C-alpha cells in the first residue's frame, strides 16, 4: 500500500481549508474522500496500489481533476493542487 498527500492552495498560495478531496481507483472505481485541514493539507494512508483519479473541489473555485496518479508500494505520492477562482452566478 502507499500514501497520497499534498497541499491545496489558492492563487495567492494560501492553504484552502475544508476542500473536498476525492481519490478514485481507476480500475475498481472505489472512492475515498477527505477534507483539507486548516492549512490546506490532505492525506490518504494505506491506499491500494494502482492508478487513481484525484478530484479537488471547494465552493468558489473551479474543480481540479488529475487522472493517472500512480500509487506504489511503500511510496508517498505527493500532489499539490492550486485551485483557481471559479465563476460566480446570481
PDB file of N, CA and C in Angstrom:
ATOM      1  N   UNK A   1       0.841  -1.195   0.000  1.00  0.00           N
ATOM      2  CA  UNK A   1       0.000   0.000   0.000  1.00  0.00           C
ATOM      3  C   UNK A   1       0.872   1.239   0.000  1.00  0.00           C
ATOM      4  N   UNK A   2       0.270   2.362  -0.369  1.00  0.00           N
ATOM      5  CA  UNK A   2       1.010   3.604  -0.435  1.00  0.00           C
ATOM      6  C   UNK A   2       0.238   4.738   0.208  1.00  0.00           C
ATOM      7  N   UNK A   3       0.777   5.933   0.088  1.00  0.00           N
ATOM      8  CA  UNK A   3       0.183   7.137   0.669  1.00  0.00           C
ATOM      9  C   UNK A   3       0.062   8.201  -0.413  1.00  0.00           C
ATOM     10  N   UNK A   4      -1.033   8.967  -0.351  1.00  0.00           N
ATOM     11  CA  UNK A   4      -1.220  10.116  -1.238  1.00  0.00           C
ATOM     12  C   UNK A   4      -1.431  11.330  -0.347  1.00  0.00           C
ATOM     13  N   UNK A   5      -0.658  12.380  -0.584  1.00  0.00           N
ATOM     14  CA  UNK A   5      -0.754  13.575   0.243  1.00  0.00           C
ATOM     15  C   UNK A   5      -0.442  14.808  -0.588  1.00  0.00           C
ATOM     16  N   UNK A   6      -0.779  15.960  -0.051  1.00  0.00           N
ATOM     17  CA  UNK A   6      -0.473  17.209  -0.733  1.00  0.00           C
ATOM     18  C   UNK A   6      -1.093  18.388  -0.010  1.00  0.00           C
ATOM     19  N   UNK A   7      -0.914  19.560  -0.609  1.00  0.00           N
ATOM     20  CA  UNK A   7      -1.451  20.799  -0.069  1.00  0.00           C
ATOM     21  C   UNK A   7      -2.300  21.466  -1.143  1.00  0.00           C
ATOM     22  N   UNK A   8      -3.489  21.909  -0.762  1.00  0.00           N
ATOM     23  CA  UNK A   8      -4.382  22.626  -1.671  1.00  0.00           C
ATOM     24  C   UNK A   8      -4.278  24.105  -1.348  1.00  0.00           C
ATOM     25  N   UNK A   9      -3.906  24.905  -2.363  1.00  0.00           N
ATOM     26  CA  UNK A   9      -3.744  26.344  -2.163  1.00  0.00           C
ATOM     27  C   UNK A   9      -4.606  27.112  -3.155  1.00  0.00           C
ATOM     28  N   UNK A  10      -4.778  28.404  -2.861  1.00  0.00           N
ATOM     29  CA  UNK A  10      -5.478  29.283  -3.803  1.00  0.00           C
ATOM     30  C   UNK A  10      -4.434  30.021  -4.636  1.00  0.00           C
ATOM     31  N   UNK A  11      -4.877  30.990  -5.427  1.00  0.00           N
ATOM     32  CA  UNK A  11      -3.969  31.704  -6.328  1.00  0.00           C
ATOM     33  C   UNK A  11      -2.907  32.511  -5.591  1.00  0.00           C
ATOM     34  N   UNK A  12      -3.161  32.844  -4.333  1.00  0.00           N
ATOM     35  CA  UNK A  12      -2.185  33.616  -3.554  1.00  0.00           C
ATOM     36  C   UNK A  12      -1.185  32.720  -2.833  1.00  0.00           C
ATOM     37  N   UNK A  13      -1.411  31.396  -2.879  1.00  0.00           N
ATOM     38  CA  UNK A  13      -0.537  30.459  -2.188  1.00  0.00           C
ATOM     39  C   UNK A  13      -0.995  30.104  -0.793  1.00  0.00           C
ATOM     40  N   UNK A  14      -2.134  30.660  -0.371  1.00  0.00           N
ATOM     41  CA  UNK A  14      -2.678  30.344   0.956  1.00  0.00           C
ATOM     42  C   UNK A  14      -3.373  28.985   0.920  1.00  0.00           C
ATOM     43  N   UNK A  15      -3.252  28.228   2.008  1.00  0.00           N
ATOM     44  CA  UNK A  15      -3.929  26.940   2.111  1.00  0.00           C
ATOM     45  C   UNK A  15      -5.443  27.107   2.082  1.00  0.00           C
ATOM     46  N   UNK A  16      -6.120  26.156   1.437  1.00  0.00           N
ATOM     47  CA  UNK A  16      -7.581  26.197   1.332  1.00  0.00           C
ATOM     48  C   UNK A  16      -8.156  25.175   2.317  1.00  0.00           C
ATOM     49  N   UNK A  17      -8.732  25.632   3.443  1.00  0.00           N
ATOM     50  CA  UNK A  17      -9.302  24.697   4.416  1.00  0.00           C
ATOM     51  C   UNK A  17     -10.660  24.174   3.954  1.00  0.00           C
ATOM     52  N   UNK A  18     -10.949  22.928   4.305  1.00  0.00           N
ATOM     53  CA  UNK A  18     -12.270  22.365   4.044  1.00  0.00           C
ATOM     54  C   UNK A  18     -12.548  21.977   2.618  1.00  0.00           C
ATOM     55  N   UNK A  19     -11.536  21.935   1.759  1.00  0.00           N
ATOM     56  CA  UNK A  19     -11.753  21.497   0.376  1.00  0.00           C
ATOM     57  C   UNK A  19     -12.011  19.991   0.365  1.00  0.00           C
ATOM     58  N   UNK A  20     -12.907  19.552  -0.497  1.00  0.00           N
ATOM     59  CA  UNK A  20     -13.214  18.125  -0.634  1.00  0.00           C
ATOM     60  C   UNK A  20     -12.207  17.502  -1.588  1.00  0.00           C
ATOM     61  N   UNK A  21     -11.552  16.429  -1.131  1.00  0.00           N
ATOM     62  CA  UNK A  21     -10.575  15.719  -1.947  1.00  0.00           C
ATOM     63  C   UNK A  21     -11.070  14.283  -2.121  1.00  0.00           C
ATOM     64  N   UNK A  22     -11.264  13.884  -3.367  1.00  0.00           N
ATOM     65  CA  UNK A  22     -11.761  12.543  -3.682  1.00  0.00           C
ATOM     66  C   UNK A  22     -10.684  11.781  -4.433  1.00  0.00           C
ATOM     67  N   UNK A  23     -10.388  10.569  -3.987  1.00  0.00           N
ATOM     68  CA  UNK A  23      -9.397   9.701  -4.605  1.00  0.00           C
ATOM     69  C   UNK A  23     -10.123   8.465  -5.119  1.00  0.00           C
ATOM     70  N   UNK A  24     -10.101   8.253  -6.446  1.00  0.00           N
ATOM     71  CA  UNK A  24     -10.840   7.132  -7.043  1.00  0.00           C
ATOM     72  C   UNK A  24      -9.881   6.198  -7.777  1.00  0.00           C
ATOM     73  N   UNK A  25      -9.947   4.914  -7.421  1.00  0.00           N
ATOM     74  CA  UNK A  25      -9.157   3.896  -8.105  1.00  0.00           C
ATOM     75  C   UNK A  25      -9.714   3.736  -9.512  1.00  0.00           C
ATOM     76  N   UNK A  26      -8.874   3.916 -10.531  1.00  0.00           N
ATOM     77  CA  UNK A  26      -9.339   3.875 -11.917  1.00  0.00           C
ATOM     78  C   UNK A  26      -9.757   2.476 -12.359  1.00  0.00           C
ATOM     79  N   UNK A  27      -9.241   1.435 -11.699  1.00  0.00           N
ATOM     80  CA  UNK A  27      -9.592   0.061 -12.069  1.00  0.00           C
ATOM     81  C   UNK A  27     -10.870  -0.402 -11.382  1.00  0.00           C
ATOM     82  N   UNK A  28     -11.009  -0.106 -10.092  1.00  0.00           N
ATOM     83  CA  UNK A  28     -12.139  -0.621  -9.322  1.00  0.00           C
ATOM     84  C   UNK A  28     -13.247   0.403  -9.094  1.00  0.00           C
ATOM     85  N   UNK A  29     -12.973   1.692  -9.371  1.00  0.00           N
ATOM     86  CA  UNK A  29     -13.905   2.801  -9.112  1.00  0.00           C
ATOM     87  C   UNK A  29     -14.251   2.977  -7.640  1.00  0.00           C
ATOM     88  N   UNK A  30     -13.408   2.453  -6.746  1.00  0.00           N
ATOM     89  CA  UNK A  30     -13.604   2.643  -5.311  1.00  0.00           C
ATOM     90  C   UNK A  30     -13.117   4.040  -4.944  1.00  0.00           C
ATOM     91  N   UNK A  31     -13.972   4.786  -4.221  1.00  0.00           N
ATOM     92  CA  UNK A  31     -13.674   6.160  -3.817  1.00  0.00           C
ATOM     93  C   UNK A  31     -13.263   6.233  -2.358  1.00  0.00           C
ATOM     94  N   UNK A  32     -12.355   7.166  -2.092  1.00  0.00           N
ATOM     95  CA  UNK A  32     -12.061   7.592  -0.721  1.00  0.00           C
ATOM     96  C   UNK A  32     -12.150   9.106  -0.735  1.00  0.00           C
ATOM     97  N   UNK A  33     -12.738   9.675   0.318  1.00  0.00           N
ATOM     98  CA  UNK A  33     -12.958  11.119   0.372  1.00  0.00           C
ATOM     99  C   UNK A  33     -12.438  11.661   1.705  1.00  0.00           C
ATOM    100  N   UNK A  34     -11.824  12.829   1.645  1.00  0.00           N
ATOM    101  CA  UNK A  34     -11.383  13.525   2.850  1.00  0.00           C
ATOM    102  C   UNK A  34     -11.533  15.025   2.608  1.00  0.00           C
ATOM    103  N   UNK A  35     -11.282  15.792   3.641  1.00  0.00           N
ATOM    104  CA  UNK A  35     -11.279  17.256   3.537  1.00  0.00           C
ATOM    105  C   UNK A  35      -9.917  17.774   3.966  1.00  0.00           C
ATOM    106  N   UNK A  36      -9.544  18.931   3.430  1.00  0.00           N
ATOM    107  CA  UNK A  36      -8.261  19.517   3.798  1.00  0.00           C
ATOM    108  C   UNK A  36      -8.335  20.120   5.200  1.00  0.00           C
ATOM    109  N   UNK A  37      -7.183  20.199   5.837  1.00  0.00           N
ATOM    110  CA  UNK A  37      -7.057  20.792   7.170  1.00  0.00           C
ATOM    111  C   UNK A  37      -7.097  22.314   7.056  1.00  0.00           C
ATOM    112  N   UNK A  38      -6.970  22.990   8.181  1.00  0.00           N
ATOM    113  CA  UNK A  38      -6.937  24.461   8.194  1.00  0.00           C
ATOM    114  C   UNK A  38      -5.826  25.010   7.302  1.00  0.00           C
ATOM    115  N   UNK A  39      -4.726  24.266   7.186  1.00  0.00           N
ATOM    116  CA  UNK A  39      -3.608  24.699   6.361  1.00  0.00           C
ATOM    117  C   UNK A  39      -3.680  24.223   4.916  1.00  0.00           C
ATOM    118  N   UNK A  40      -4.769  23.508   4.572  1.00  0.00           N
ATOM    119  CA  UNK A  40      -4.945  23.031   3.202  1.00  0.00           C
ATOM    120  C   UNK A  40      -4.339  21.669   2.916  1.00  0.00           C
ATOM    121  N   UNK A  41      -3.908  20.957   3.963  1.00  0.00           N
ATOM    122  CA  UNK A  41      -3.247  19.662   3.783  1.00  0.00           C
ATOM    123  C   UNK A  41      -4.281  18.532   3.722  1.00  0.00           C
ATOM    124  N   UNK A  42      -4.039  17.567   2.818  1.00  0.00           N
ATOM    125  CA  UNK A  42      -4.849  16.347   2.777  1.00  0.00           C
ATOM    126  C   UNK A  42      -3.917  15.144   2.775  1.00  0.00           C
ATOM    127  N   UNK A  43      -4.442  13.983   3.199  1.00  0.00           N
ATOM    128  CA  UNK A  43      -3.618  12.770   3.249  1.00  0.00           C
ATOM    129  C   UNK A  43      -4.519  11.541   3.221  1.00  0.00           C
ATOM    130  N   UNK A  44      -4.137  10.590   2.393  1.00  0.00           N
ATOM    131  CA  UNK A  44      -4.771   9.277   2.353  1.00  0.00           C
ATOM    132  C   UNK A  44      -3.691   8.248   2.673  1.00  0.00           C
ATOM    133  N   UNK A  45      -3.908   7.455   3.731  1.00  0.00           N
ATOM    134  CA  UNK A  45      -2.972   6.399   4.105  1.00  0.00           C
ATOM    135  C   UNK A  45      -3.522   5.047   3.684  1.00  0.00           C
ATOM    136  N   UNK A  46      -2.635   4.056   3.583  1.00  0.00           N
ATOM    137  CA  UNK A  46      -2.999   2.673   3.255  1.00  0.00           C
ATOM    138  C   UNK A  46      -3.840   2.598   1.982  1.00  0.00           C
ATOM    139  N   UNK A  47      -3.354   3.263   0.930  1.00  0.00           N
ATOM    140  CA  UNK A  47      -4.051   3.271  -0.360  1.00  0.00           C
ATOM    141  C   UNK A  47      -3.605   2.045  -1.156  1.00  0.00           C
ATOM    142  N   UNK A  48      -4.574   1.313  -1.709  1.00  0.00           N
ATOM    143  CA  UNK A  48      -4.271   0.153  -2.555  1.00  0.00           C
ATOM    144  C   UNK A  48      -3.453   0.597  -3.757  1.00  0.00           C
ATOM    145  N   UNK A  49      -2.612  -0.287  -4.266  1.00  0.00           N
ATOM    146  CA  UNK A  49      -1.756   0.040  -5.401  1.00  0.00           C
ATOM    147  C   UNK A  49      -2.587   0.210  -6.666  1.00  0.00           C
ATOM    148  N   UNK A  50      -2.124   1.068  -7.556  1.00  0.00           N
ATOM    149  CA  UNK A  50      -2.803   1.281  -8.829  1.00  0.00           C
ATOM    150  C   UNK A  50      -2.762   2.731  -9.255  1.00  0.00           C
ATOM    151  N   UNK A  51      -3.515   3.023 -10.306  1.00  0.00           N
ATOM    152  CA  UNK A  51      -3.629   4.387 -10.808  1.00  0.00           C
ATOM    153  C   UNK A  51      -4.931   4.999 -10.319  1.00  0.00           C
ATOM    154  N   UNK A  52      -4.867   6.281  -9.964  1.00  0.00           N
ATOM    155  CA  UNK A  52      -6.000   6.955  -9.346  1.00  0.00           C
ATOM    156  C   UNK A  52      -6.331   8.261 -10.062  1.00  0.00           C
ATOM    157  N   UNK A  53      -7.595   8.655  -9.925  1.00  0.00           N
ATOM    158  CA  UNK A  53      -8.038   9.981 -10.319  1.00  0.00           C
ATOM    159  C   UNK A  53      -8.288  10.747  -9.033  1.00  0.00           C
ATOM    160  N   UNK A  54      -7.731  11.953  -8.956  1.00  0.00           N
ATOM    161  CA  UNK A  54      -7.942  12.786  -7.772  1.00  0.00           C
ATOM    162  C   UNK A  54      -8.734  14.017  -8.203  1.00  0.00           C
ATOM    163  N   UNK A  55      -9.767  14.324  -7.432  1.00  0.00           N
ATOM    164  CA  UNK A  55     -10.639  15.468  -7.705  1.00  0.00           C
ATOM    165  C   UNK A  55     -10.678  16.346  -6.464  1.00  0.00           C
ATOM    166  N   UNK A  56     -10.424  17.641  -6.651  1.00  0.00           N
ATOM    167  CA  UNK A  56     -10.430  18.585  -5.534  1.00  0.00           C
ATOM    168  C   UNK A  56     -11.446  19.675  -5.844  1.00  0.00           C
ATOM    169  N   UNK A  57     -12.360  19.914  -4.907  1.00  0.00           N
ATOM    170  CA  UNK A  57     -13.380  20.936  -5.127  1.00  0.00           C
ATOM    171  C   UNK A  57     -13.634  21.711  -3.843  1.00  0.00           C
ATOM    172  N   UNK A  58     -14.051  22.951  -4.026  1.00  0.00           N
ATOM    173  CA  UNK A  58     -14.408  23.810  -2.906  1.00  0.00           C
ATOM    174  C   UNK A  58     -15.264  24.941  -3.459  1.00  0.00           C
ATOM    175  N   UNK A  59     -16.224  25.391  -2.685  1.00  0.00           N
ATOM    176  CA  UNK A  59     -17.117  26.450  -3.130  1.00  0.00           C
ATOM    177  C   UNK A  59     -16.319  27.692  -3.516  1.00  0.00           C
ATOM    178  N   UNK A  60     -16.646  28.262  -4.683  1.00  0.00           N
ATOM    179  CA  UNK A  60     -15.986  29.468  -5.154  1.00  0.00           C
ATOM    180  C   UNK A  60     -14.771  29.221  -6.025  1.00  0.00           C
ATOM    181  N   UNK A  61     -14.407  27.929  -6.195  1.00  0.00           N
ATOM    182  CA  UNK A  61     -13.247  27.571  -7.006  1.00  0.00           C
ATOM    183  C   UNK A  61     -13.655  26.599  -8.107  1.00  0.00           C
ATOM    184  N   UNK A  62     -12.888  26.587  -9.201  1.00  0.00           N
ATOM    185  CA  UNK A  62     -13.120  25.576 -10.225  1.00  0.00           C
ATOM    186  C   UNK A  62     -12.617  24.233  -9.699  1.00  0.00           C
ATOM    187  N   UNK A  63     -13.213  23.153 -10.173  1.00  0.00           N
ATOM    188  CA  UNK A  63     -12.837  21.814  -9.732  1.00  0.00           C
ATOM    189  C   UNK A  63     -11.569  21.372 -10.447  1.00  0.00           C
ATOM    190  N   UNK A  64     -10.633  20.815  -9.682  1.00  0.00           N
ATOM    191  CA  UNK A  64      -9.375  20.293 -10.212  1.00  0.00           C
ATOM    192  C   UNK A  64      -9.506  18.786 -10.367  1.00  0.00           C
ATOM    193  N   UNK A  65      -9.100  18.244 -11.525  1.00  0.00           N
ATOM    194  CA  UNK A  65      -9.121  16.800 -11.756  1.00  0.00           C
ATOM    195  C   UNK A  65      -7.779  16.387 -12.348  1.00  0.00           C
ATOM    196  N   UNK A  66      -7.193  15.341 -11.779  1.00  0.00           N
ATOM    197  CA  UNK A  66      -5.952  14.769 -12.328  1.00  0.00           C
ATOM    198  C   UNK A  66      -6.131  13.264 -12.420  1.00  0.00           C
ATOM    199  N   UNK A  67      -5.950  12.729 -13.615  1.00  0.00           N
ATOM    200  CA  UNK A  67      -6.067  11.281 -13.837  1.00  0.00           C
ATOM    201  C   UNK A  67      -4.668  10.673 -13.939  1.00  0.00           C
ATOM    202  N   UNK A  68      -4.581   9.397 -13.614  1.00  0.00           N
ATOM    203  CA  UNK A  68      -3.320   8.677 -13.786  1.00  0.00           C
ATOM    204  C   UNK A  68      -2.291   8.909 -12.704  1.00  0.00           C
ATOM    205  N   UNK A  69      -2.730   9.201 -11.482  1.00  0.00           N
ATOM    206  CA  UNK A  69      -1.803   9.363 -10.365  1.00  0.00           C
ATOM    207  C   UNK A  69      -1.431   7.971  -9.849  1.00  0.00           C
ATOM    208  N   UNK A  70      -0.153   7.568  -9.983  1.00  0.00           N
ATOM    209  CA  UNK A  70       0.218   6.214  -9.559  1.00  0.00           C
ATOM    210  C   UNK A  70       0.449   6.120  -8.052  1.00  0.00           C
ATOM    211  N   UNK A  71       0.023   5.009  -7.479  1.00  0.00           N
ATOM    212  CA  UNK A  71       0.314   4.698  -6.074  1.00  0.00           C
ATOM    213  C   UNK A  71       1.093   3.392  -6.071  1.00  0.00           C
ATOM    214  N   UNK A  72       2.296   3.446  -5.472  1.00  0.00           N
ATOM    215  CA  UNK A  72       3.182   2.294  -5.452  1.00  0.00           C
ATOM    216  C   UNK A  72       3.450   1.867  -4.014  1.00  0.00           C
ATOM    217  N   UNK A  73       3.838   0.602  -3.864  1.00  0.00           N
ATOM    218  CA  UNK A  73       4.053   0.019  -2.534  1.00  0.00           C
ATOM    219  C   UNK A  73       5.117   0.768  -1.752  1.00  0.00           C
ATOM    220  N   UNK A  74       4.763   1.177  -0.533  1.00  0.00           N
ATOM    221  CA  UNK A  74       5.700   1.828   0.362  1.00  0.00           C
ATOM    222  C   UNK A  74       6.126   3.225  -0.062  1.00  0.00           C
ATOM    223  N   UNK A  75       5.460   3.799  -1.038  1.00  0.00           N
ATOM    224  CA  UNK A  75       5.826   5.114  -1.554  1.00  0.00           C
ATOM    225  C   UNK A  75       4.765   6.153  -1.200  1.00  0.00           C
ATOM    226  N   UNK A  76       5.175   7.412  -1.154  1.00  0.00           N
ATOM    227  CA  UNK A  76       4.256   8.521  -0.951  1.00  0.00           C
ATOM    228  C   UNK A  76       4.144   9.299  -2.248  1.00  0.00           C
ATOM    229  N   UNK A  77       2.928   9.383  -2.788  1.00  0.00           N
ATOM    230  CA  UNK A  77       2.665  10.191  -3.972  1.00  0.00           C
ATOM    231  C   UNK A  77       2.230  11.563  -3.492  1.00  0.00           C
ATOM    232  N   UNK A  78       2.995  12.601  -3.865  1.00  0.00           N
ATOM    233  CA  UNK A  78       2.714  13.951  -3.414  1.00  0.00           C
ATOM    234  C   UNK A  78       2.139  14.747  -4.575  1.00  0.00           C
ATOM    235  N   UNK A  79       0.932  15.286  -4.382  1.00  0.00           N
ATOM    236  CA  UNK A  79       0.302  16.108  -5.412  1.00  0.00           C
ATOM    237  C   UNK A  79      -0.252  17.370  -4.766  1.00  0.00           C
ATOM    238  N   UNK A  80       0.454  18.482  -4.972  1.00  0.00           N
ATOM    239  CA  UNK A  80      -0.032  19.775  -4.516  1.00  0.00           C
ATOM    240  C   UNK A  80      -0.962  20.342  -5.582  1.00  0.00           C
ATOM    241  N   UNK A  81      -2.046  20.968  -5.145  1.00  0.00           N
ATOM    242  CA  UNK A  81      -3.084  21.467  -6.052  1.00  0.00           C
ATOM    243  C   UNK A  81      -3.277  22.959  -5.834  1.00  0.00           C
ATOM    244  N   UNK A  82      -3.296  23.707  -6.931  1.00  0.00           N
ATOM    245  CA  UNK A  82      -3.585  25.142  -6.876  1.00  0.00           C
ATOM    246  C   UNK A  82      -4.957  25.351  -7.497  1.00  0.00           C
ATOM    247  N   UNK A  83      -5.926  25.769  -6.672  1.00  0.00           N
ATOM    248  CA  UNK A  83      -7.275  25.993  -7.159  1.00  0.00           C
ATOM    249  C   UNK A  83      -7.415  27.399  -7.744  1.00  0.00           C
ATOM    250  N   UNK A  84      -8.147  27.484  -8.827  1.00  0.00           N
ATOM    251  CA  UNK A  84      -8.427  28.764  -9.476  1.00  0.00           C
ATOM    252  C   UNK A  84      -9.808  29.244  -9.041  1.00  0.00           C
ATOM    253  N   UNK A  85      -9.948  30.548  -8.896  1.00  0.00           N
ATOM    254  CA  UNK A  85     -11.246  31.116  -8.548  1.00  0.00           C
ATOM    255  C   UNK A  85     -12.232  30.788  -9.652  1.00  0.00           C
ATOM    256  N   UNK A  86     -13.432  30.326  -9.259  1.00  0.00           N
ATOM    257  CA  UNK A  86     -14.456  29.950 -10.233  1.00  0.00           C
ATOM    258  C   UNK A  86     -15.402  31.069 -10.548  1.00  0.00           C
ATOM    259  N   UNK A  87     -16.280  30.799 -11.483  1.00  0.00           N
ATOM    260  CA  UNK A  87     -17.314  31.765 -11.877  1.00  0.00           C
ATOM    261  C   UNK A  87     -18.365  31.854 -10.788  1.00  0.00           C
ATOM    262  N   UNK A  88     -18.848  33.057 -10.546  1.00  0.00           N
ATOM    263  CA  UNK A  88     -19.955  33.221  -9.605  1.00  0.00           C
ATOM    264  C   UNK A  88     -21.220  33.484 -10.396  1.00  0.00           C
ATOM    265  N   UNK A  89     -22.334  33.009  -9.868  1.00  0.00           N
ATOM    266  CA  UNK A  89     -23.610  33.222 -10.561  1.00  0.00           C
ATOM    267  C   UNK A  89     -24.616  33.769  -9.576  1.00  0.00           C
ATOM    268  N   UNK A  90     -25.626  34.480 -10.122  1.00  0.00           N
ATOM    269  CA  UNK A  90     -26.645  35.043  -9.239  1.00  0.00           C
ATOM    270  C   UNK A  90     -27.997  34.474  -9.593  1.00  0.00           C
TER     271      UNK A  90
END
